[in-house]
PDB file of all heavy atoms in Angstrom:
ATOM      1  N   GLN A   1      -7.293  -8.473   5.113  1.00  0.00           N
ATOM      2  CA  GLN A   1      -6.062  -8.905   5.512  1.00  0.00           C
ATOM      3  C   GLN A   1      -4.898  -8.328   4.542  1.00  0.00           C
ATOM      4  O   GLN A   1      -3.955  -7.833   5.042  1.00  0.00           O
ATOM      5  CB  GLN A   1      -5.793 -10.458   5.429  1.00  0.00           C
ATOM      6  CG  GLN A   1      -6.351 -11.133   6.625  1.00  0.00           C
ATOM      7  CD  GLN A   1      -6.242 -12.623   6.709  1.00  0.00           C
ATOM      8  OE1 GLN A   1      -5.989 -13.160   5.624  1.00  0.00           O
ATOM      9  NE2 GLN A   1      -6.434 -13.185   7.825  1.00  0.00           N
ATOM     10  N   THR A   2      -5.264  -8.247   3.205  1.00  0.00           N
ATOM     11  CA  THR A   2      -4.355  -7.654   2.296  1.00  0.00           C
ATOM     12  C   THR A   2      -4.212  -6.113   2.469  1.00  0.00           C
ATOM     13  O   THR A   2      -3.143  -5.505   2.545  1.00  0.00           O
ATOM     14  CB  THR A   2      -4.761  -7.830   0.850  1.00  0.00           C
ATOM     15  OG1 THR A   2      -4.834  -9.376   0.620  1.00  0.00           O
ATOM     16  CG2 THR A   2      -3.799  -7.360  -0.187  1.00  0.00           C
ATOM     17  N   LEU A   3      -5.247  -5.465   2.858  1.00  0.00           N
ATOM     18  CA  LEU A   3      -5.298  -4.037   3.169  1.00  0.00           C
ATOM     19  C   LEU A   3      -4.488  -3.796   4.405  1.00  0.00           C
ATOM     20  O   LEU A   3      -3.570  -2.800   4.402  1.00  0.00           O
ATOM     21  CB  LEU A   3      -6.709  -3.407   3.279  1.00  0.00           C
ATOM     22  CG  LEU A   3      -7.522  -3.415   1.939  1.00  0.00           C
ATOM     23  CD1 LEU A   3      -9.000  -2.983   2.344  1.00  0.00           C
ATOM     24  CD2 LEU A   3      -6.912  -2.617   0.877  1.00  0.00           C
ATOM     25  N   ALA A   4      -4.562  -4.654   5.307  1.00  0.00           N
ATOM     26  CA  ALA A   4      -3.836  -4.543   6.626  1.00  0.00           C
ATOM     27  C   ALA A   4      -2.359  -4.663   6.277  1.00  0.00           C
ATOM     28  O   ALA A   4      -1.471  -3.906   6.823  1.00  0.00           O
ATOM     29  CB  ALA A   4      -4.333  -5.485   7.666  1.00  0.00           C
ATOM     30  N   TRP A   5      -1.983  -5.722   5.526  1.00  0.00           N
ATOM     31  CA  TRP A   5      -0.604  -6.013   5.283  1.00  0.00           C
ATOM     32  C   TRP A   5      -0.076  -4.789   4.438  1.00  0.00           C
ATOM     33  O   TRP A   5       1.127  -4.492   4.586  1.00  0.00           O
ATOM     34  CB  TRP A   5      -0.566  -7.265   4.357  1.00  0.00           C
ATOM     35  CG  TRP A   5       0.800  -7.704   4.088  1.00  0.00           C
ATOM     36  CD1 TRP A   5       1.816  -8.284   4.895  1.00  0.00           C
ATOM     37  CD2 TRP A   5       1.470  -7.513   2.802  1.00  0.00           C
ATOM     38  NE1 TRP A   5       2.910  -8.510   4.127  1.00  0.00           N
ATOM     39  CE2 TRP A   5       2.780  -8.080   2.823  1.00  0.00           C
ATOM     40  CE3 TRP A   5       1.006  -7.012   1.413  1.00  0.00           C
ATOM     41  CZ2 TRP A   5       3.708  -8.135   1.800  1.00  0.00           C
ATOM     42  CZ3 TRP A   5       1.906  -7.124   0.469  1.00  0.00           C
ATOM     43  CH2 TRP A   5       3.218  -7.654   0.574  1.00  0.00           C
ATOM     44  N   LEU A   6      -0.742  -4.156   3.592  1.00  0.00           N
ATOM     45  CA  LEU A   6      -0.330  -3.059   2.828  1.00  0.00           C
ATOM     46  C   LEU A   6      -0.417  -1.560   3.643  1.00  0.00           C
ATOM     47  O   LEU A   6      -0.198  -0.683   3.039  1.00  0.00           O
ATOM     48  CB  LEU A   6      -1.254  -2.905   1.532  1.00  0.00           C
ATOM     49  CG  LEU A   6      -0.982  -4.003   0.511  1.00  0.00           C
ATOM     50  CD1 LEU A   6      -2.163  -3.988  -0.608  1.00  0.00           C
ATOM     51  CD2 LEU A   6       0.343  -4.068  -0.100  1.00  0.00           C
ATOM     52  N   GLU A   7      -0.859  -1.782   4.865  1.00  0.00           N
ATOM     53  CA  GLU A   7      -0.879  -0.585   5.731  1.00  0.00           C
ATOM     54  C   GLU A   7      -1.899   0.566   5.252  1.00  0.00           C
ATOM     55  O   GLU A   7      -1.757   1.664   5.319  1.00  0.00           O
ATOM     56  CB  GLU A   7       0.422  -0.060   6.116  1.00  0.00           C
ATOM     57  CG  GLU A   7       1.302  -1.078   6.783  1.00  0.00           C
ATOM     58  CD  GLU A   7       2.671  -0.546   7.112  1.00  0.00           C
ATOM     59  OE1 GLU A   7       3.069   0.537   6.703  1.00  0.00           O
ATOM     60  OE2 GLU A   7       3.328  -1.192   7.866  1.00  0.00           O
ATOM     61  N   VAL A   8      -3.103   0.006   4.616  1.00  0.00           N
ATOM     62  CA  VAL A   8      -4.117   0.900   4.159  1.00  0.00           C
ATOM     63  C   VAL A   8      -5.069   1.153   5.300  1.00  0.00           C
ATOM     64  O   VAL A   8      -5.480   0.153   5.919  1.00  0.00           O
ATOM     65  CB  VAL A   8      -4.843   0.244   2.949  1.00  0.00           C
ATOM     66  CG1 VAL A   8      -6.028   1.290   2.610  1.00  0.00           C
ATOM     67  CG2 VAL A   8      -3.934   0.128   1.767  1.00  0.00           C
ATOM     68  N   PRO A   9      -5.293   2.394   5.774  1.00  0.00           N
ATOM     69  CA  PRO A   9      -6.218   2.581   6.811  1.00  0.00           C
ATOM     70  C   PRO A   9      -7.645   2.169   6.520  1.00  0.00           C
ATOM     71  O   PRO A   9      -8.186   2.351   5.405  1.00  0.00           O
ATOM     72  CB  PRO A   9      -6.251   4.163   7.025  1.00  0.00           C
ATOM     73  CG  PRO A   9      -5.058   4.677   6.242  1.00  0.00           C
ATOM     74  CD  PRO A   9      -4.737   3.700   5.212  1.00  0.00           C
ATOM     75  N   VAL A  10      -8.195   1.316   7.324  1.00  0.00           N
ATOM     76  CA  VAL A  10      -9.524   0.748   7.125  1.00  0.00           C
ATOM     77  C   VAL A  10     -10.324   0.921   8.376  1.00  0.00           C
ATOM     78  O   VAL A  10      -9.965   0.894   9.548  1.00  0.00           O
ATOM     79  CB  VAL A  10      -9.398  -0.764   6.982  1.00  0.00           C
ATOM     80  CG1 VAL A  10     -10.816  -1.358   6.879  1.00  0.00           C
ATOM     81  CG2 VAL A  10      -8.575  -1.095   5.753  1.00  0.00           C
ATOM     82  N   ALA A  11     -11.505   1.429   8.157  1.00  0.00           N
ATOM     83  CA  ALA A  11     -12.545   1.689   9.258  1.00  0.00           C
ATOM     84  C   ALA A  11     -13.709   0.871   8.973  1.00  0.00           C
ATOM     85  O   ALA A  11     -14.097   0.730   7.838  1.00  0.00           O
ATOM     86  CB  ALA A  11     -12.951   3.189   9.378  1.00  0.00           C
ATOM     87  N   GLN A  12     -14.193   0.165   9.970  1.00  0.00           N
ATOM     88  CA  GLN A  12     -15.520  -0.684   9.900  1.00  0.00           C
ATOM     89  C   GLN A  12     -16.474  -0.055  10.645  1.00  0.00           C
ATOM     90  O   GLN A  12     -16.465   0.282  11.897  1.00  0.00           O
ATOM     91  CB  GLN A  12     -15.201  -2.103  10.247  1.00  0.00           C
ATOM     92  CG  GLN A  12     -16.490  -2.970  10.251  1.00  0.00           C
ATOM     93  CD  GLN A  12     -16.236  -4.182   9.530  1.00  0.00           C
ATOM     94  OE1 GLN A  12     -15.121  -4.735   9.490  1.00  0.00           O
ATOM     95  NE2 GLN A  12     -17.298  -4.856   9.003  1.00  0.00           N
ATOM     96  N   CYS A  13     -17.663   0.340  10.010  1.00  0.00           N
ATOM     97  CA  CYS A  13     -18.794   0.823  10.720  1.00  0.00           C
ATOM     98  C   CYS A  13     -19.724  -0.249  11.492  1.00  0.00           C
ATOM     99  O   CYS A  13     -19.538  -1.467  11.182  1.00  0.00           O
ATOM    100  CB  CYS A  13     -19.727   1.613   9.755  1.00  0.00           C
ATOM    101  SG  CYS A  13     -18.734   3.049   8.994  1.00  0.00           S
ATOM    102  N   TYR A  14     -20.502   0.142  12.271  1.00  0.00           N
ATOM    103  CA  TYR A  14     -21.500  -0.787  12.970  1.00  0.00           C
ATOM    104  C   TYR A  14     -22.520  -1.154  12.017  1.00  0.00           C
ATOM    105  O   TYR A  14     -23.052  -2.252  12.073  1.00  0.00           O
ATOM    106  CB  TYR A  14     -21.988  -0.175  14.225  1.00  0.00           C
ATOM    107  CG  TYR A  14     -21.145  -0.012  15.321  1.00  0.00           C
ATOM    108  CD1 TYR A  14     -20.611   1.222  15.725  1.00  0.00           C
ATOM    109  CD2 TYR A  14     -20.510  -1.119  15.911  1.00  0.00           C
ATOM    110  CE1 TYR A  14     -19.762   1.395  16.756  1.00  0.00           C
ATOM    111  CE2 TYR A  14     -19.620  -1.034  16.977  1.00  0.00           C
ATOM    112  CZ  TYR A  14     -19.170   0.264  17.386  1.00  0.00           C
ATOM    113  OH  TYR A  14     -18.207   0.422  18.474  1.00  0.00           O
ATOM    114  N   GLU A  15     -22.953  -0.142  11.200  1.00  0.00           N
ATOM    115  CA  GLU A  15     -24.034  -0.440  10.348  1.00  0.00           C
ATOM    116  C   GLU A  15     -23.633  -0.107   8.894  1.00  0.00           C
ATOM    117  O   GLU A  15     -22.438  -0.151   8.654  1.00  0.00           O
ATOM    118  CB  GLU A  15     -25.197   0.480  10.720  1.00  0.00           C
ATOM    119  CG  GLU A  15     -25.907   0.153  11.938  1.00  0.00           C
ATOM    120  CD  GLU A  15     -27.004   1.107  12.478  1.00  0.00           C
ATOM    121  OE1 GLU A  15     -27.585   1.765  11.511  1.00  0.00           O
ATOM    122  OE2 GLU A  15     -27.237   1.230  13.602  1.00  0.00           O
ATOM    123  N   GLU A  16     -24.641   0.250   8.063  1.00  0.00           N
ATOM    124  CA  GLU A  16     -24.151   0.563   6.560  1.00  0.00           C
ATOM    125  C   GLU A  16     -23.337   1.909   6.769  1.00  0.00           C
ATOM    126  O   GLU A  16     -23.526   2.887   7.533  1.00  0.00           O
ATOM    127  CB  GLU A  16     -25.534   0.855   5.837  1.00  0.00           C
ATOM    128  CG  GLU A  16     -25.189   1.091   4.267  1.00  0.00           C
ATOM    129  CD  GLU A  16     -26.560   1.102   3.616  1.00  0.00           C
ATOM    130  OE1 GLU A  16     -27.199   0.047   3.441  1.00  0.00           O
ATOM    131  OE2 GLU A  16     -26.693   2.200   2.900  1.00  0.00           O
ATOM    132  N   ALA A  17     -22.288   1.929   5.879  1.00  0.00           N
ATOM    133  CA  ALA A  17     -21.255   3.026   5.894  1.00  0.00           C
ATOM    134  C   ALA A  17     -21.478   4.187   5.099  1.00  0.00           C
ATOM    135  O   ALA A  17     -20.634   5.183   5.136  1.00  0.00           O
ATOM    136  CB  ALA A  17     -19.976   2.365   5.708  1.00  0.00           C
ATOM    137  N   ASP A  18     -22.553   4.240   4.283  1.00  0.00           N
ATOM    138  CA  ASP A  18     -22.645   5.240   3.281  1.00  0.00           C
ATOM    139  C   ASP A  18     -22.570   6.592   3.942  1.00  0.00           C
ATOM    140  O   ASP A  18     -21.807   7.551   3.331  1.00  0.00           O
ATOM    141  CB  ASP A  18     -24.006   5.134   2.462  1.00  0.00           C
ATOM    142  CG  ASP A  18     -24.058   3.884   1.598  1.00  0.00           C
ATOM    143  OD1 ASP A  18     -23.020   3.183   1.565  1.00  0.00           O
ATOM    144  OD2 ASP A  18     -24.982   3.627   0.971  1.00  0.00           O
ATOM    145  N   GLN A  19     -23.296   6.971   4.891  1.00  0.00           N
ATOM    146  CA  GLN A  19     -23.296   8.265   5.440  1.00  0.00           C
ATOM    147  C   GLN A  19     -21.895   8.745   6.085  1.00  0.00           C
ATOM    148  O   GLN A  19     -21.472   9.764   5.901  1.00  0.00           O
ATOM    149  CB  GLN A  19     -24.399   8.438   6.605  1.00  0.00           C
ATOM    150  CG  GLN A  19     -25.769   8.435   6.021  1.00  0.00           C
ATOM    151  CD  GLN A  19     -26.838   8.681   7.069  1.00  0.00           C
ATOM    152  OE1 GLN A  19     -26.634   8.566   8.341  1.00  0.00           O
ATOM    153  NE2 GLN A  19     -28.020   9.108   6.556  1.00  0.00           N
ATOM    154  N   GLU A  20     -21.212   7.694   6.613  1.00  0.00           N
ATOM    155  CA  GLU A  20     -19.963   7.978   7.211  1.00  0.00           C
ATOM    156  C   GLU A  20     -18.973   8.123   6.059  1.00  0.00           C
ATOM    157  O   GLU A  20     -18.023   9.121   6.193  1.00  0.00           O
ATOM    158  CB  GLU A  20     -19.496   6.842   8.133  1.00  0.00           C
ATOM    159  CG  GLU A  20     -20.141   6.720   9.453  1.00  0.00           C
ATOM    160  CD  GLU A  20     -21.564   6.292   9.420  1.00  0.00           C
ATOM    161  OE1 GLU A  20     -22.049   5.806   8.331  1.00  0.00           O
ATOM    162  OE2 GLU A  20     -22.259   6.372  10.440  1.00  0.00           O
ATOM    163  N   ILE A  21     -19.003   7.522   5.005  1.00  0.00           N
ATOM    164  CA  ILE A  21     -18.200   7.656   3.743  1.00  0.00           C
ATOM    165  C   ILE A  21     -18.340   9.025   3.226  1.00  0.00           C
ATOM    166  O   ILE A  21     -17.421   9.709   3.007  1.00  0.00           O
ATOM    167  CB  ILE A  21     -18.404   6.598   2.802  1.00  0.00           C
ATOM    168  CG1 ILE A  21     -17.989   5.188   3.310  1.00  0.00           C
ATOM    169  CG2 ILE A  21     -17.732   6.944   1.492  1.00  0.00           C
ATOM    170  CD1 ILE A  21     -18.410   4.071   2.398  1.00  0.00           C
ATOM    171  N   ALA A  22     -19.515   9.471   3.038  1.00  0.00           N
ATOM    172  CA  ALA A  22     -19.801  10.773   2.470  1.00  0.00           C
ATOM    173  C   ALA A  22     -19.371  11.788   3.432  1.00  0.00           C
ATOM    174  O   ALA A  22     -18.840  12.733   2.980  1.00  0.00           O
ATOM    175  CB  ALA A  22     -21.330  10.945   2.255  1.00  0.00           C
ATOM    176  N   ALA A  23     -19.603  11.643   4.781  1.00  0.00           N
ATOM    177  CA  ALA A  23     -19.065  12.720   5.693  1.00  0.00           C
ATOM    178  C   ALA A  23     -17.614  12.822   5.654  1.00  0.00           C
ATOM    179  O   ALA A  23     -17.119  13.977   5.784  1.00  0.00           O
ATOM    180  CB  ALA A  23     -19.681  12.333   7.129  1.00  0.00           C
ATOM    181  N   LEU A  24     -16.967  11.646   5.723  1.00  0.00           N
ATOM    182  CA  LEU A  24     -15.408  11.736   5.742  1.00  0.00           C
ATOM    183  C   LEU A  24     -14.906  12.421   4.380  1.00  0.00           C
ATOM    184  O   LEU A  24     -14.098  13.254   4.492  1.00  0.00           O
ATOM    185  CB  LEU A  24     -14.938  10.323   5.774  1.00  0.00           C
ATOM    186  CG  LEU A  24     -13.463  10.191   6.012  1.00  0.00           C
ATOM    187  CD1 LEU A  24     -13.037  10.947   7.283  1.00  0.00           C
ATOM    188  CD2 LEU A  24     -13.125   8.739   6.057  1.00  0.00           C
ATOM    189  N   ALA A  25     -15.580  12.060   3.293  1.00  0.00           N
ATOM    190  CA  ALA A  25     -15.127  12.660   2.029  1.00  0.00           C
ATOM    191  C   ALA A  25     -15.401  14.142   1.939  1.00  0.00           C
ATOM    192  O   ALA A  25     -14.656  14.966   1.507  1.00  0.00           O
ATOM    193  CB  ALA A  25     -15.737  12.065   0.760  1.00  0.00           C
ATOM    194  N   SER A  26     -16.528  14.535   2.582  1.00  0.00           N
ATOM    195  CA  SER A  26     -16.794  15.953   2.636  1.00  0.00           C
ATOM    196  C   SER A  26     -15.875  16.737   3.511  1.00  0.00           C
ATOM    197  O   SER A  26     -15.402  17.791   3.213  1.00  0.00           O
ATOM    198  CB  SER A  26     -18.325  16.200   3.196  1.00  0.00           C
ATOM    199  OG  SER A  26     -18.689  17.482   3.138  1.00  0.00           O
ATOM    200  N   GLU A  27     -15.667  16.160   4.694  1.00  0.00           N
ATOM    201  CA  GLU A  27     -14.667  16.756   5.633  1.00  0.00           C
ATOM    202  C   GLU A  27     -13.216  16.908   5.010  1.00  0.00           C
ATOM    203  O   GLU A  27     -12.621  18.039   5.281  1.00  0.00           O
ATOM    204  CB  GLU A  27     -14.521  15.969   6.930  1.00  0.00           C
ATOM    205  CG  GLU A  27     -13.568  16.385   7.985  1.00  0.00           C
ATOM    206  CD  GLU A  27     -14.020  17.675   8.643  1.00  0.00           C
ATOM    207  OE1 GLU A  27     -15.290  17.903   8.739  1.00  0.00           O
ATOM    208  OE2 GLU A  27     -13.184  18.322   9.173  1.00  0.00           O
ATOM    209  N   TRP A  28     -12.832  15.957   4.301  1.00  0.00           N
ATOM    210  CA  TRP A  28     -11.513  15.944   3.775  1.00  0.00           C
ATOM    211  C   TRP A  28     -11.371  16.622   2.403  1.00  0.00           C
ATOM    212  O   TRP A  28     -10.411  16.717   1.791  1.00  0.00           O
ATOM    213  CB  TRP A  28     -10.926  14.516   3.639  1.00  0.00           C
ATOM    214  CG  TRP A  28     -10.485  13.968   4.946  1.00  0.00           C
ATOM    215  CD1 TRP A  28     -10.281  14.609   6.177  1.00  0.00           C
ATOM    216  CD2 TRP A  28     -10.216  12.573   5.150  1.00  0.00           C
ATOM    217  NE1 TRP A  28      -9.896  13.823   7.129  1.00  0.00           N
ATOM    218  CE2 TRP A  28      -9.851  12.529   6.550  1.00  0.00           C
ATOM    219  CE3 TRP A  28     -10.112  11.459   4.438  1.00  0.00           C
ATOM    220  CZ2 TRP A  28      -9.423  11.290   7.064  1.00  0.00           C
ATOM    221  CZ3 TRP A  28      -9.770  10.266   5.001  1.00  0.00           C
ATOM    222  CH2 TRP A  28      -9.453  10.170   6.330  1.00  0.00           C
ATOM    223  N   GLN A  29     -12.569  17.002   1.837  1.00  0.00           N
ATOM    224  CA  GLN A  29     -12.680  17.613   0.403  1.00  0.00           C
ATOM    225  C   GLN A  29     -12.011  16.692  -0.562  1.00  0.00           C
ATOM    226  O   GLN A  29     -11.326  17.142  -1.444  1.00  0.00           O
ATOM    227  CB  GLN A  29     -12.049  18.967   0.564  1.00  0.00           C
ATOM    228  CG  GLN A  29     -12.792  19.929   1.416  1.00  0.00           C
ATOM    229  CD  GLN A  29     -14.157  20.348   0.897  1.00  0.00           C
ATOM    230  OE1 GLN A  29     -14.222  20.791  -0.280  1.00  0.00           O
ATOM    231  NE2 GLN A  29     -15.216  20.119   1.691  1.00  0.00           N
ATOM    232  N   CYS A  30     -12.361  15.430  -0.465  1.00  0.00           N
ATOM    233  CA  CYS A  30     -11.832  14.409  -1.464  1.00  0.00           C
ATOM    234  C   CYS A  30     -13.031  13.642  -2.060  1.00  0.00           C
ATOM    235  O   CYS A  30     -14.055  13.563  -1.391  1.00  0.00           O
ATOM    236  CB  CYS A  30     -10.738  13.511  -0.852  1.00  0.00           C
ATOM    237  SG  CYS A  30     -11.314  12.459   0.357  1.00  0.00           S
ATOM    238  N   PRO A  31     -12.767  12.964  -3.140  1.00  0.00           N
ATOM    239  CA  PRO A  31     -13.923  12.138  -3.673  1.00  0.00           C
ATOM    240  C   PRO A  31     -14.147  10.820  -3.029  1.00  0.00           C
ATOM    241  O   PRO A  31     -13.232  10.337  -2.237  1.00  0.00           O
ATOM    242  CB  PRO A  31     -13.445  11.926  -5.187  1.00  0.00           C
ATOM    243  CG  PRO A  31     -12.083  12.186  -5.129  1.00  0.00           C
ATOM    244  CD  PRO A  31     -11.610  13.008  -4.060  1.00  0.00           C
ATOM    245  N   VAL A  32     -15.227  10.182  -3.290  1.00  0.00           N
ATOM    246  CA  VAL A  32     -15.584   8.776  -2.958  1.00  0.00           C
ATOM    247  C   VAL A  32     -15.389   7.963  -4.140  1.00  0.00           C
ATOM    248  O   VAL A  32     -15.773   8.231  -5.332  1.00  0.00           O
ATOM    249  CB  VAL A  32     -17.003   8.784  -2.474  1.00  0.00           C
ATOM    250  CG1 VAL A  32     -17.436   7.332  -2.236  1.00  0.00           C
ATOM    251  CG2 VAL A  32     -17.151   9.586  -1.176  1.00  0.00           C
ATOM    252  N   LEU A  33     -14.791   6.852  -3.955  1.00  0.00           N
ATOM    253  CA  LEU A  33     -14.760   5.801  -5.064  1.00  0.00           C
ATOM    254  C   LEU A  33     -15.816   4.649  -4.708  1.00  0.00           C
ATOM    255  O   LEU A  33     -15.718   3.949  -3.718  1.00  0.00           O
ATOM    256  CB  LEU A  33     -13.251   5.093  -5.023  1.00  0.00           C
ATOM    257  CG  LEU A  33     -13.083   4.164  -6.105  1.00  0.00           C
ATOM    258  CD1 LEU A  33     -13.196   4.795  -7.483  1.00  0.00           C
ATOM    259  CD2 LEU A  33     -11.729   3.438  -5.867  1.00  0.00           C
ATOM    260  N   SER A  34     -16.737   4.474  -5.571  1.00  0.00           N
ATOM    261  CA  SER A  34     -17.763   3.501  -5.371  1.00  0.00           C
ATOM    262  C   SER A  34     -18.638   3.359  -6.597  1.00  0.00           C
ATOM    263  O   SER A  34     -18.708   4.352  -7.391  1.00  0.00           O
ATOM    264  CB  SER A  34     -18.639   3.942  -4.260  1.00  0.00           C
ATOM    265  OG  SER A  34     -19.742   2.856  -3.965  1.00  0.00           O
ATOM    266  N   ASP A  35     -19.222   2.217  -6.783  1.00  0.00           N
ATOM    267  CA  ASP A  35     -20.303   2.148  -7.833  1.00  0.00           C
ATOM    268  C   ASP A  35     -21.678   2.020  -7.330  1.00  0.00           C
ATOM    269  O   ASP A  35     -22.633   1.813  -7.964  1.00  0.00           O
ATOM    270  CB  ASP A  35     -20.097   0.762  -8.667  1.00  0.00           C
ATOM    271  CG  ASP A  35     -19.249   0.929  -9.792  1.00  0.00           C
ATOM    272  OD1 ASP A  35     -18.850   2.057 -10.230  1.00  0.00           O
ATOM    273  OD2 ASP A  35     -18.681  -0.075 -10.414  1.00  0.00           O
ATOM    274  N   ASP A  36     -21.847   2.243  -5.962  1.00  0.00           N
ATOM    275  CA  ASP A  36     -23.051   2.293  -5.325  1.00  0.00           C
ATOM    276  C   ASP A  36     -23.845   3.603  -5.596  1.00  0.00           C
ATOM    277  O   ASP A  36     -23.365   4.690  -5.316  1.00  0.00           O
ATOM    278  CB  ASP A  36     -22.801   2.188  -3.746  1.00  0.00           C
ATOM    279  CG  ASP A  36     -24.092   2.172  -2.966  1.00  0.00           C
ATOM    280  OD1 ASP A  36     -25.172   2.430  -3.438  1.00  0.00           O
ATOM    281  OD2 ASP A  36     -24.090   1.742  -1.796  1.00  0.00           O
ATOM    282  N   SER A  37     -24.944   3.457  -6.251  1.00  0.00           N
ATOM    283  CA  SER A  37     -25.762   4.689  -6.717  1.00  0.00           C
ATOM    284  C   SER A  37     -26.306   5.535  -5.470  1.00  0.00           C
ATOM    285  O   SER A  37     -26.732   6.657  -5.628  1.00  0.00           O
ATOM    286  CB  SER A  37     -26.830   4.242  -7.562  1.00  0.00           C
ATOM    287  OG  SER A  37     -27.780   3.358  -6.892  1.00  0.00           O
ATOM    288  N   ASP A  38     -26.153   5.013  -4.230  1.00  0.00           N
ATOM    289  CA  ASP A  38     -26.687   5.800  -3.148  1.00  0.00           C
ATOM    290  C   ASP A  38     -25.866   7.071  -3.067  1.00  0.00           C
ATOM    291  O   ASP A  38     -26.383   8.175  -2.536  1.00  0.00           O
ATOM    292  CB  ASP A  38     -26.365   5.070  -1.886  1.00  0.00           C
ATOM    293  CG  ASP A  38     -27.534   4.115  -1.576  1.00  0.00           C
ATOM    294  OD1 ASP A  38     -28.569   4.143  -2.202  1.00  0.00           O
ATOM    295  OD2 ASP A  38     -27.438   3.299  -0.581  1.00  0.00           O
ATOM    296  N   PHE A  39     -24.600   7.079  -3.573  1.00  0.00           N
ATOM    297  CA  PHE A  39     -23.608   8.192  -3.387  1.00  0.00           C
ATOM    298  C   PHE A  39     -24.028   9.372  -4.347  1.00  0.00           C
ATOM    299  O   PHE A  39     -23.538  10.405  -4.133  1.00  0.00           O
ATOM    300  CB  PHE A  39     -22.187   7.740  -3.639  1.00  0.00           C
ATOM    301  CG  PHE A  39     -21.656   7.017  -2.434  1.00  0.00           C
ATOM    302  CD1 PHE A  39     -21.481   5.631  -2.430  1.00  0.00           C
ATOM    303  CD2 PHE A  39     -21.407   7.664  -1.191  1.00  0.00           C
ATOM    304  CE1 PHE A  39     -21.095   4.885  -1.357  1.00  0.00           C
ATOM    305  CE2 PHE A  39     -21.075   6.903   0.041  1.00  0.00           C
ATOM    306  CZ  PHE A  39     -20.848   5.488  -0.161  1.00  0.00           C
ATOM    307  N   TYR A  40     -24.797   9.146  -5.307  1.00  0.00           N
ATOM    308  CA  TYR A  40     -25.283  10.174  -6.140  1.00  0.00           C
ATOM    309  C   TYR A  40     -26.226  11.190  -5.493  1.00  0.00           C
ATOM    310  O   TYR A  40     -26.391  12.247  -5.869  1.00  0.00           O
ATOM    311  CB  TYR A  40     -26.042   9.716  -7.446  1.00  0.00           C
ATOM    312  CG  TYR A  40     -25.170   8.992  -8.403  1.00  0.00           C
ATOM    313  CD1 TYR A  40     -24.994   7.641  -8.595  1.00  0.00           C
ATOM    314  CD2 TYR A  40     -24.168   9.897  -9.135  1.00  0.00           C
ATOM    315  CE1 TYR A  40     -24.159   7.101  -9.500  1.00  0.00           C
ATOM    316  CE2 TYR A  40     -23.317   9.271  -9.993  1.00  0.00           C
ATOM    317  CZ  TYR A  40     -23.294   7.892 -10.226  1.00  0.00           C
ATOM    318  OH  TYR A  40     -22.400   7.185 -11.067  1.00  0.00           O
ATOM    319  N   ILE A  41     -26.796  10.745  -4.362  1.00  0.00           N
ATOM    320  CA  ILE A  41     -27.776  11.622  -3.635  1.00  0.00           C
ATOM    321  C   ILE A  41     -27.072  12.461  -2.535  1.00  0.00           C
ATOM    322  O   ILE A  41     -27.612  13.256  -1.894  1.00  0.00           O
ATOM    323  CB  ILE A  41     -29.032  10.870  -3.103  1.00  0.00           C
ATOM    324  CG1 ILE A  41     -28.529   9.851  -2.007  1.00  0.00           C
ATOM    325  CG2 ILE A  41     -29.706  10.128  -4.182  1.00  0.00           C
ATOM    326  CD1 ILE A  41     -29.629   9.209  -1.258  1.00  0.00           C
ATOM    327  N   PHE A  42     -25.818  12.124  -2.117  1.00  0.00           N
ATOM    328  CA  PHE A  42     -25.040  12.833  -1.190  1.00  0.00           C
ATOM    329  C   PHE A  42     -24.456  14.155  -1.889  1.00  0.00           C
ATOM    330  O   PHE A  42     -24.009  14.128  -3.020  1.00  0.00           O
ATOM    331  CB  PHE A  42     -23.936  11.989  -0.596  1.00  0.00           C
ATOM    332  CG  PHE A  42     -24.417  10.952   0.404  1.00  0.00           C
ATOM    333  CD1 PHE A  42     -24.502   9.603  -0.146  1.00  0.00           C
ATOM    334  CD2 PHE A  42     -24.863  11.298   1.735  1.00  0.00           C
ATOM    335  CE1 PHE A  42     -24.928   8.779   0.830  1.00  0.00           C
ATOM    336  CE2 PHE A  42     -25.309  10.267   2.506  1.00  0.00           C
ATOM    337  CZ  PHE A  42     -25.325   8.937   2.138  1.00  0.00           C
TER     338      PHE A  42
END
């Protein structure tokens, strides 16, 4: 709700979002912010 109120774009995946997050960051050439160690393998 706070992100919506601040008008931050939010996407919700059907399943785990790691692959979609990595794909979006790759497409946009920007970093990912996370402490999930799964992202070290992308």
